[in-house]
Amino acid sequence: MKLNIEDIFVTDPEKLRRQKLLLKGVISFEEYFNGEIPPEIKKILADTSSAQAKFRLKILHRIFSKMGKKNPLFVYEGFRICRQHGFIIPEWIFEHFDEIANNLFEVVEEKQSDDAQKTASWLQDAFKFNRGLGGTGDFFSQYKLFELKFSVWKLVEDAKRNPSLLKYKQNKWDYASNILELDKSERQVIRYYNEIETISS
């Protein structure tokens, strides 16, 4: 399927209606193009996805370092992103894996026990899930809070780039709150956004 100029500069009322639904995320690109996305659009989508993944990888590295390298979930997500997108795995991820490998073989060579609980504790230490995080929450709740903040940031950025996403009298903070179904004040939503914005700059 070839992309025509009419698909970009839309004048037909029905196409305009469908384009608005696409921009608001009501329908997918597959639905908009009736199941066959033009190669040109596929490339744009792939490039956009890759750029967003690189940005998230940068944020993961910075927040992992900012937290004193105490939450390995950020490393594992970074590794997963690299594998999914074919990126070269950065040194900060390799450094973490090197440390884990050394820790594991230290357990194998120096710590042997028939006590399953003791062995599990050693393995937890080896994989670096034993460190005090500082602040509130465990490894998973801390990661989920980051995920929430990042989602707020992304939605606000989407609204800034595409104001047509906003409903009548709705600002970008309300937009993010409504999409994520947040029970947070506007001040809190702004704080979440600013935290990611500060880390990214």
C-alpha atoms as a PDB file:
ATOM      1  CA  MET A   1       0.000   0.000   0.000  1.00  0.00           C
ATOM      2  CA  LYS A   2       1.452   3.343  -1.090  1.00  0.00           C
ATOM      3  CA  LEU A   3       1.118   6.461   1.031  1.00  0.00           C
ATOM      4  CA  ASN A   4      -0.634   9.240  -0.890  1.00  0.00           C
ATOM      5  CA  ILE A   5      -0.454  12.956  -0.245  1.00  0.00           C
ATOM      6  CA  GLU A   6      -4.183  12.823   0.597  1.00  0.00           C
ATOM      7  CA  ASP A   7      -3.368  10.623   3.614  1.00  0.00           C
ATOM      8  CA  ILE A   8      -1.322  13.481   5.100  1.00  0.00           C
ATOM      9  CA  PHE A   9      -3.283  16.578   4.029  1.00  0.00           C
ATOM     10  CA  VAL A  10      -6.780  15.308   4.746  1.00  0.00           C
ATOM     11  CA  THR A  11      -9.826  17.164   3.431  1.00  0.00           C
ATOM     12  CA  ASP A  12     -12.449  14.402   3.317  1.00  0.00           C
ATOM     13  CA  PRO A  13     -14.777  14.726   6.389  1.00  0.00           C
ATOM     14  CA  GLU A  14     -14.755  10.973   7.137  1.00  0.00           C
ATOM     15  CA  LYS A  15     -10.965  10.816   6.916  1.00  0.00           C
ATOM     16  CA  LEU A  16     -10.729  13.875   9.160  1.00  0.00           C
ATOM     17  CA  ARG A  17     -12.958  12.145  11.717  1.00  0.00           C
ATOM     18  CA  ARG A  18     -10.820   8.991  11.611  1.00  0.00           C
ATOM     19  CA  GLN A  19      -7.628  11.032  11.860  1.00  0.00           C
ATOM     20  CA  LYS A  20      -8.906  12.694  15.051  1.00  0.00           C
ATOM     21  CA  LEU A  21      -9.713   9.261  16.491  1.00  0.00           C
ATOM     22  CA  LEU A  22      -6.180   8.141  15.610  1.00  0.00           C
ATOM     23  CA  LEU A  23      -4.604  11.159  17.304  1.00  0.00           C
ATOM     24  CA  LYS A  24      -6.668  10.565  20.430  1.00  0.00           C
ATOM     25  CA  GLY A  25      -5.650   6.899  20.519  1.00  0.00           C
ATOM     26  CA  VAL A  26      -9.219   5.650  19.990  1.00  0.00           C
ATOM     27  CA  ILE A  27      -8.168   3.666  16.910  1.00  0.00           C
ATOM     28  CA  SER A  28      -4.779   2.186  16.022  1.00  0.00           C
ATOM     29  CA  PHE A  29      -2.669   2.823  12.912  1.00  0.00           C
ATOM     30  CA  GLU A  30      -3.697  -0.642  11.682  1.00  0.00           C
ATOM     31  CA  GLU A  31      -7.362   0.334  11.964  1.00  0.00           C
ATOM     32  CA  TYR A  32      -6.792   3.761  10.399  1.00  0.00           C
ATOM     33  CA  PHE A  33      -5.107   2.205   7.342  1.00  0.00           C
ATOM     34  CA  ASN A  34      -7.548  -0.744   7.238  1.00  0.00           C
ATOM     35  CA  GLY A  35      -4.993  -3.340   8.280  1.00  0.00           C
ATOM     36  CA  GLU A  36      -2.138  -2.380   5.950  1.00  0.00           C
ATOM     37  CA  ILE A  37       0.192   0.327   7.269  1.00  0.00           C
ATOM     38  CA  PRO A  38       2.209   1.975   4.453  1.00  0.00           C
ATOM     39  CA  PRO A  39       5.989   1.259   4.612  1.00  0.00           C
ATOM     40  CA  GLU A  40       6.718   4.984   5.040  1.00  0.00           C
ATOM     41  CA  ILE A  41       4.495   5.138   8.144  1.00  0.00           C
ATOM     42  CA  LYS A  42       5.944   1.889   9.500  1.00  0.00           C
ATOM     43  CA  LYS A  43       9.434   3.395   9.285  1.00  0.00           C
ATOM     44  CA  ILE A  44       8.318   6.564  11.095  1.00  0.00           C
ATOM     45  CA  LEU A  45       6.693   4.483  13.829  1.00  0.00           C
ATOM     46  CA  ALA A  46       9.783   2.292  14.179  1.00  0.00           C
ATOM     47  CA  ASP A  47      12.084   5.342  14.346  1.00  0.00           C
ATOM     48  CA  THR A  48       9.820   6.960  16.946  1.00  0.00           C
ATOM     49  CA  SER A  49       9.722   3.780  19.023  1.00  0.00           C
ATOM     50  CA  SER A  50      13.506   3.508  18.865  1.00  0.00           C
ATOM     51  CA  ALA A  51      13.993   7.154  19.901  1.00  0.00           C
ATOM     52  CA  GLN A  52      11.596   6.744  22.832  1.00  0.00           C
ATOM     53  CA  ALA A  53      13.405   3.566  23.921  1.00  0.00           C
ATOM     54  CA  LYS A  54      16.797   5.320  23.838  1.00  0.00           C
ATOM     55  CA  PHE A  55      15.394   8.161  25.906  1.00  0.00           C
ATOM     56  CA  ARG A  56      13.955   5.759  28.479  1.00  0.00           C
ATOM     57  CA  LEU A  57      17.267   3.882  28.616  1.00  0.00           C
ATOM     58  CA  LYS A  58      19.016   7.170  29.422  1.00  0.00           C
ATOM     59  CA  ILE A  59      16.494   7.918  32.175  1.00  0.00           C
ATOM     60  CA  LEU A  60      16.882   4.421  33.658  1.00  0.00           C
ATOM     61  CA  HIS A  61      20.649   4.859  33.851  1.00  0.00           C
ATOM     62  CA  ARG A  62      20.389   8.252  35.508  1.00  0.00           C
ATOM     63  CA  ILE A  63      17.782   7.224  38.057  1.00  0.00           C
ATOM     64  CA  PHE A  64      19.695   3.999  38.855  1.00  0.00           C
ATOM     65  CA  SER A  65      22.808   6.074  39.543  1.00  0.00           C
ATOM     66  CA  LYS A  66      20.871   8.725  41.460  1.00  0.00           C
ATOM     67  CA  MET A  67      19.500   6.033  43.792  1.00  0.00           C
ATOM     68  CA  GLY A  68      22.982   4.805  44.587  1.00  0.00           C
ATOM     69  CA  LYS A  69      22.707   1.759  42.291  1.00  0.00           C
ATOM     70  CA  LYS A  70      20.480   0.091  44.866  1.00  0.00           C
ATOM     71  CA  ASN A  71      17.557  -1.054  42.722  1.00  0.00           C
ATOM     72  CA  PRO A  72      18.613  -3.616  40.079  1.00  0.00           C
ATOM     73  CA  LEU A  73      15.172  -3.572  38.425  1.00  0.00           C
ATOM     74  CA  PHE A  74      16.273  -0.477  36.509  1.00  0.00           C
ATOM     75  CA  VAL A  75      19.245  -2.435  35.135  1.00  0.00           C
ATOM     76  CA  TYR A  76      17.094  -5.347  34.036  1.00  0.00           C
ATOM     77  CA  GLU A  77      14.647  -3.080  32.258  1.00  0.00           C
ATOM     78  CA  GLY A  78      17.567  -1.374  30.535  1.00  0.00           C
ATOM     79  CA  PHE A  79      18.836  -4.761  29.387  1.00  0.00           C
ATOM     80  CA  ARG A  80      15.377  -5.746  28.138  1.00  0.00           C
ATOM     81  CA  ILE A  81      15.060  -2.513  26.122  1.00  0.00           C
ATOM     82  CA  CYS A  82      18.439  -3.121  24.488  1.00  0.00           C
ATOM     83  CA  ARG A  83      17.499  -6.671  23.506  1.00  0.00           C
ATOM     84  CA  GLN A  84      14.076  -5.649  22.186  1.00  0.00           C
ATOM     85  CA  HIS A  85      15.458  -2.838  20.027  1.00  0.00           C
ATOM     86  CA  GLY A  86      18.824  -4.301  19.043  1.00  0.00           C
ATOM     87  CA  PHE A  87      20.793  -1.607  20.884  1.00  0.00           C
ATOM     88  CA  ILE A  88      24.386  -2.112  21.953  1.00  0.00           C
ATOM     89  CA  ILE A  89      24.275  -2.958  25.646  1.00  0.00           C
ATOM     90  CA  PRO A  90      25.875  -0.055  27.550  1.00  0.00           C
ATOM     91  CA  GLU A  91      28.743  -0.446  29.978  1.00  0.00           C
ATOM     92  CA  TRP A  92      26.695   0.427  33.078  1.00  0.00           C
ATOM     93  CA  ILE A  93      24.568  -2.685  32.503  1.00  0.00           C
ATOM     94  CA  PHE A  94      27.610  -4.893  31.885  1.00  0.00           C
ATOM     95  CA  GLU A  95      29.228  -3.571  35.060  1.00  0.00           C
ATOM     96  CA  HIS A  96      26.193  -4.628  37.074  1.00  0.00           C
ATOM     97  CA  PHE A  97      26.123  -8.091  35.489  1.00  0.00           C
ATOM     98  CA  ASP A  98      29.874  -8.495  36.110  1.00  0.00           C
ATOM     99  CA  GLU A  99      29.317  -7.814  39.782  1.00  0.00           C
ATOM    100  CA  ILE A 100      26.439 -10.300  39.963  1.00  0.00           C
ATOM    101  CA  ALA A 101      28.511 -13.010  38.246  1.00  0.00           C
ATOM    102  CA  ASN A 102      31.347 -12.474  40.740  1.00  0.00           C
ATOM    103  CA  ASN A 103      28.892 -12.583  43.627  1.00  0.00           C
ATOM    104  CA  LEU A 104      27.301 -15.816  42.397  1.00  0.00           C
ATOM    105  CA  PHE A 105      30.594 -17.647  42.116  1.00  0.00           C
ATOM    106  CA  GLU A 106      31.587 -16.390  45.530  1.00  0.00           C
ATOM    107  CA  VAL A 107      28.470 -18.162  46.825  1.00  0.00           C
ATOM    108  CA  VAL A 108      29.395 -21.326  44.872  1.00  0.00           C
ATOM    109  CA  GLU A 109      33.004 -21.361  46.043  1.00  0.00           C
ATOM    110  CA  GLU A 110      32.765 -20.074  49.606  1.00  0.00           C
ATOM    111  CA  LYS A 111      29.236 -20.455  50.922  1.00  0.00           C
ATOM    112  CA  GLN A 112      27.718 -23.906  50.965  1.00  0.00           C
ATOM    113  CA  SER A 113      24.840 -24.970  53.157  1.00  0.00           C
ATOM    114  CA  ASP A 114      21.987 -27.483  53.239  1.00  0.00           C
ATOM    115  CA  ASP A 115      19.809 -24.755  54.716  1.00  0.00           C
ATOM    116  CA  ALA A 116      17.533 -23.597  51.850  1.00  0.00           C
ATOM    117  CA  GLN A 117      16.674 -20.351  53.617  1.00  0.00           C
ATOM    118  CA  LYS A 118      20.322 -19.467  54.090  1.00  0.00           C
ATOM    119  CA  THR A 119      21.090 -20.285  50.445  1.00  0.00           C
ATOM    120  CA  ALA A 120      18.152 -18.149  49.281  1.00  0.00           C
ATOM    121  CA  SER A 121      19.463 -15.258  51.365  1.00  0.00           C
ATOM    122  CA  TRP A 122      22.929 -15.609  49.804  1.00  0.00           C
ATOM    123  CA  LEU A 123      21.438 -15.619  46.315  1.00  0.00           C
ATOM    124  CA  GLN A 124      19.364 -12.545  47.152  1.00  0.00           C
ATOM    125  CA  ASP A 125      22.565 -10.834  48.201  1.00  0.00           C
ATOM    126  CA  ALA A 126      24.351 -12.012  45.056  1.00  0.00           C
ATOM    127  CA  PHE A 127      21.672 -10.516  42.818  1.00  0.00           C
ATOM    128  CA  LYS A 128      21.812  -7.299  44.863  1.00  0.00           C
ATOM    129  CA  PHE A 129      18.217  -7.400  46.050  1.00  0.00           C
ATOM    130  CA  ASN A 130      19.377  -6.942  49.610  1.00  0.00           C
ATOM    131  CA  ARG A 131      20.229  -3.270  49.824  1.00  0.00           C
ATOM    132  CA  GLY A 132      18.321  -0.655  51.747  1.00  0.00           C
ATOM    133  CA  LEU A 133      16.717   1.631  49.218  1.00  0.00           C
ATOM    134  CA  GLY A 134      16.339   4.749  51.257  1.00  0.00           C
ATOM    135  CA  GLY A 135      13.061   6.562  51.064  1.00  0.00           C
ATOM    136  CA  THR A 136       9.863   4.536  51.024  1.00  0.00           C
ATOM    137  CA  GLY A 137       8.850   1.206  49.574  1.00  0.00           C
ATOM    138  CA  ASP A 138      10.559  -1.950  48.414  1.00  0.00           C
ATOM    139  CA  PHE A 139      12.271  -2.629  45.076  1.00  0.00           C
ATOM    140  CA  PHE A 140       9.023  -3.241  43.225  1.00  0.00           C
ATOM    141  CA  SER A 141       6.962  -0.384  44.667  1.00  0.00           C
ATOM    142  CA  GLN A 142       9.853   2.003  44.038  1.00  0.00           C
ATOM    143  CA  TYR A 143      10.069   0.853  40.424  1.00  0.00           C
ATOM    144  CA  LYS A 144       6.292   1.188  39.999  1.00  0.00           C
ATOM    145  CA  LEU A 145       6.446   4.740  41.355  1.00  0.00           C
ATOM    146  CA  PHE A 146       9.108   5.556  38.761  1.00  0.00           C
ATOM    147  CA  GLU A 147       6.889   3.992  36.082  1.00  0.00           C
ATOM    148  CA  LEU A 148       4.010   6.211  37.193  1.00  0.00           C
ATOM    149  CA  LYS A 149       6.159   9.350  37.117  1.00  0.00           C
ATOM    150  CA  PHE A 150       7.494   8.464  33.676  1.00  0.00           C
ATOM    151  CA  SER A 151       3.948   7.851  32.382  1.00  0.00           C
ATOM    152  CA  VAL A 152       2.881  11.268  33.685  1.00  0.00           C
ATOM    153  CA  TRP A 153       5.853  12.890  31.954  1.00  0.00           C
ATOM    154  CA  LYS A 154       5.128  11.132  28.657  1.00  0.00           C
ATOM    155  CA  LEU A 155       1.425  12.015  28.638  1.00  0.00           C
ATOM    156  CA  VAL A 156       2.114  15.661  29.451  1.00  0.00           C
ATOM    157  CA  GLU A 157       4.679  15.789  26.634  1.00  0.00           C
ATOM    158  CA  ASP A 158       2.113  14.212  24.279  1.00  0.00           C
ATOM    159  CA  ALA A 159      -0.416  16.878  25.252  1.00  0.00           C
ATOM    160  CA  LYS A 160       2.132  19.663  24.748  1.00  0.00           C
ATOM    161  CA  ARG A 161       2.937  18.398  21.244  1.00  0.00           C
ATOM    162  CA  ASN A 162      -0.673  17.685  20.341  1.00  0.00           C
ATOM    163  CA  PRO A 163      -3.152  20.036  22.104  1.00  0.00           C
ATOM    164  CA  SER A 164      -6.060  18.423  20.211  1.00  0.00           C
ATOM    165  CA  LEU A 165      -5.802  15.566  22.736  1.00  0.00           C
ATOM    166  CA  LEU A 166      -7.190  17.876  25.408  1.00  0.00           C
ATOM    167  CA  LYS A 167     -10.894  18.107  26.079  1.00  0.00           C
ATOM    168  CA  TYR A 168     -12.677  21.440  26.502  1.00  0.00           C
ATOM    169  CA  LYS A 169     -11.162  23.433  29.407  1.00  0.00           C
ATOM    170  CA  GLN A 170      -8.785  20.546  30.181  1.00  0.00           C
ATOM    171  CA  ASN A 171      -5.113  21.291  30.835  1.00  0.00           C
ATOM    172  CA  LYS A 172      -2.199  18.925  30.269  1.00  0.00           C
ATOM    173  CA  TRP A 173      -2.030  17.969  33.960  1.00  0.00           C
ATOM    174  CA  ASP A 174      -5.719  16.993  34.001  1.00  0.00           C
ATOM    175  CA  TYR A 175      -5.170  15.026  30.807  1.00  0.00           C
ATOM    176  CA  ALA A 176      -2.401  12.919  32.375  1.00  0.00           C
ATOM    177  CA  SER A 177      -4.408  12.407  35.570  1.00  0.00           C
ATOM    178  CA  ASN A 178      -7.506  11.275  33.683  1.00  0.00           C
ATOM    179  CA  ILE A 179      -5.655   8.828  31.439  1.00  0.00           C
ATOM    180  CA  LEU A 180      -3.844   7.267  34.401  1.00  0.00           C
ATOM    181  CA  GLU A 181      -6.899   7.538  36.676  1.00  0.00           C
ATOM    182  CA  LEU A 182      -4.812   9.262  39.331  1.00  0.00           C
ATOM    183  CA  ASP A 183      -6.220  10.396  42.627  1.00  0.00           C
ATOM    184  CA  LYS A 184      -3.552  13.080  42.951  1.00  0.00           C
ATOM    185  CA  SER A 185      -3.569  16.846  43.213  1.00  0.00           C
ATOM    186  CA  GLU A 186      -2.401  18.901  40.255  1.00  0.00           C
ATOM    187  CA  ARG A 187       0.605  19.939  42.347  1.00  0.00           C
ATOM    188  CA  GLN A 188       1.593  16.291  42.788  1.00  0.00           C
ATOM    189  CA  VAL A 189       1.221  15.565  39.072  1.00  0.00           C
ATOM    190  CA  ILE A 190       3.411  18.585  38.279  1.00  0.00           C
ATOM    191  CA  ARG A 191       5.970  17.331  40.792  1.00  0.00           C
ATOM    192  CA  TYR A 192       6.065  13.917  39.096  1.00  0.00           C
ATOM    193  CA  TYR A 193       6.563  15.563  35.713  1.00  0.00           C
ATOM    194  CA  ASN A 194       9.310  17.856  36.989  1.00  0.00           C
ATOM    195  CA  GLU A 195      11.234  14.980  38.572  1.00  0.00           C
ATOM    196  CA  ILE A 196      11.550  13.176  35.235  1.00  0.00           C
ATOM    197  CA  GLU A 197      12.199  16.442  33.387  1.00  0.00           C
ATOM    198  CA  THR A 198      15.048  17.245  35.802  1.00  0.00           C
ATOM    199  CA  ILE A 199      16.600  13.776  35.435  1.00  0.00           C
ATOM    200  CA  SER A 200      16.370  13.951  31.650  1.00  0.00           C
ATOM    201  CA  SER A 201      18.066  17.337  31.300  1.00  0.00           C
END
